[in-house]
Protein backbone atom coordinates (compact mmCIF):
# COMPACT_ATOMS: atom_id res chain seq x y z
CA UNK A 1 3.51 -1.53 -12.27
CA UNK A 2 6.34 1.16 -12.80
CA UNK A 3 7.33 4.04 -10.79
CA UNK A 4 5.08 6.12 -13.72
CA UNK A 5 2.41 3.94 -13.32
CA UNK A 6 1.84 4.30 -9.64
CA UNK A 7 2.07 7.88 -9.73
CA UNK A 8 -0.87 8.00 -12.85
CA UNK A 9 -2.82 6.05 -10.61
CA UNK A 10 -2.25 8.35 -7.94
CA UNK A 11 -3.43 11.08 -9.57
CA UNK A 12 -6.47 9.61 -11.66
CA UNK A 13 -7.64 8.20 -7.99
CA UNK A 14 -6.96 11.51 -6.22
CA UNK A 15 -8.63 14.69 -8.64
CA UNK A 16 -7.27 17.11 -6.20
CA UNK A 17 -3.68 15.82 -6.95
CA UNK A 18 -1.69 16.76 -9.70
CA UNK A 19 0.46 14.71 -11.75
CA UNK A 20 3.26 16.80 -10.19
CA UNK A 21 1.96 16.34 -6.62
CA UNK A 22 1.48 12.31 -7.28
CA UNK A 23 5.01 12.05 -8.32
CA UNK A 24 6.44 14.44 -5.08
CA UNK A 25 4.18 11.71 -3.39
CA UNK A 26 5.42 8.87 -4.59
CA UNK A 27 9.15 9.77 -4.77
CA UNK A 28 8.99 10.93 -1.14
CA UNK A 29 7.71 7.45 -0.09
CA UNK A 30 10.03 5.29 -1.87
CA UNK A 31 12.63 7.73 -0.45
CA UNK A 32 11.74 7.25 2.99
CA UNK A 33 11.82 3.07 2.41
CA UNK A 34 14.94 3.32 1.01
CA UNK A 35 16.56 5.22 3.91
CA UNK A 36 14.83 3.03 6.26
CA UNK A 37 16.28 -0.34 4.99
CA UNK A 38 19.44 1.53 4.43
CA UNK A 39 19.52 1.62 8.09
CA UNK A 40 18.58 -1.78 9.18
CA UNK A 41 15.13 -0.75 10.05
CA UNK A 42 12.27 -2.97 8.81
CA UNK A 43 9.00 -1.59 7.55
CA UNK A 44 5.49 -2.79 8.05
CA UNK A 45 2.71 -1.86 6.09
CA UNK A 46 -0.48 -3.85 7.67
CA UNK A 47 -2.22 -5.93 4.85
CA UNK A 48 0.51 -5.43 2.25
CA UNK A 49 3.58 -6.93 3.42
CA UNK A 50 7.05 -5.97 4.89
CA UNK A 51 10.58 -5.23 3.70
CA UNK A 52 13.49 -5.84 5.90
CA UNK A 53 17.08 -6.10 4.92
CA UNK A 54 19.12 -9.62 4.68
CA UNK A 55 22.60 -10.45 5.16
CA UNK A 56 24.01 -12.49 2.49
CA UNK A 57 28.09 -14.03 3.63
CA UNK A 58 30.81 -13.96 1.88
CA UNK A 59 31.33 -16.52 -0.39
CA UNK A 60 33.33 -18.50 -3.39
CA UNK A 61 32.09 -18.11 -6.20
CA UNK A 62 33.15 -19.36 -9.59
CA UNK A 63 33.62 -17.33 -12.96
CA UNK A 64 30.87 -19.15 -15.86
CA UNK A 65 33.23 -18.26 -18.38
CA UNK A 66 36.57 -18.95 -16.96
CA UNK A 67 36.05 -21.33 -14.48
CA UNK A 68 38.74 -19.86 -11.73
CA UNK A 69 37.02 -19.32 -8.18
CA UNK A 70 35.90 -15.69 -7.18
CA UNK A 71 35.63 -13.95 -4.03
CA UNK A 72 31.91 -12.78 -3.90
CA UNK A 73 31.80 -10.11 -0.35
CA UNK A 74 28.95 -9.79 2.41
CA UNK A 75 25.94 -8.55 0.61
CA UNK A 76 23.06 -6.43 2.36
CA UNK A 77 20.17 -7.43 -0.10
CA UNK A 78 16.40 -5.86 0.74
CA UNK A 79 13.65 -8.53 0.89
CA UNK A 80 9.85 -8.62 0.70
CA UNK A 81 7.51 -10.55 2.74
CA UNK A 82 3.76 -10.51 1.17
CA UNK A 83 1.51 -10.04 3.87
CA UNK A 84 -1.83 -12.52 4.53
CA UNK A 85 -4.21 -10.27 3.32
CA UNK A 86 -2.24 -9.69 -0.47
CA UNK A 87 -1.64 -13.68 -0.32
CA UNK A 88 -5.20 -14.08 -0.27
CA UNK A 89 -6.71 -11.11 -2.59
CA UNK A 90 -3.65 -12.11 -5.30
CA UNK A 91 -4.82 -15.86 -5.00
CA UNK A 92 -8.32 -14.96 -5.10
CA UNK A 93 -8.17 -12.28 -8.18
CA UNK A 94 -6.04 -15.13 -10.15
CA UNK A 95 -8.36 -17.72 -9.32
CA UNK A 96 -11.20 -15.58 -10.98
CA UNK A 97 -9.23 -14.50 -13.60
CA UNK A 98 -8.55 -18.10 -14.63
CA UNK A 99 -12.01 -19.62 -13.74
CA UNK A 100 -11.13 -21.96 -11.17
CA UNK A 101 -11.89 -21.88 -7.23
CA UNK A 102 -9.68 -20.66 -5.08
CA UNK A 103 -7.58 -22.82 -2.66
CA UNK A 104 -8.82 -23.33 0.90
CA UNK A 105 -6.55 -22.42 3.92
CA UNK A 106 -5.66 -25.97 5.34
C-alpha cells in the first residue's frame, strides 16, 4: 500500500473528508511520526505495533567490486515491531486466503 492508496482509502471511508483533507491528514500523521523518530522517541500504536530507532555501530565493510575494505559509519535506522493483534490478524487472514487452519499459540 502506498501513501496515495492510504489517502484514497481514508477519503472513501469517511465521506465528509475531501481527498485534499485526507491527503493533509495522512501527511500530518507521517510527518509527526518521522519527527518523533528523529528526536529518538518511541511510537506505540496499541493493536498495531511500535516504531523505534535502532543504532547500527560503525563497521568495516567490503566493496564488492574492488574487494577493498571500506569504513561504514554509524547509522540510526527506524525499526517496526508489529503488535500481537496485528500479527494474529495477518496470520488468520493469510490462513483464510490459503484455505488452511491458523496456527494455534503454544
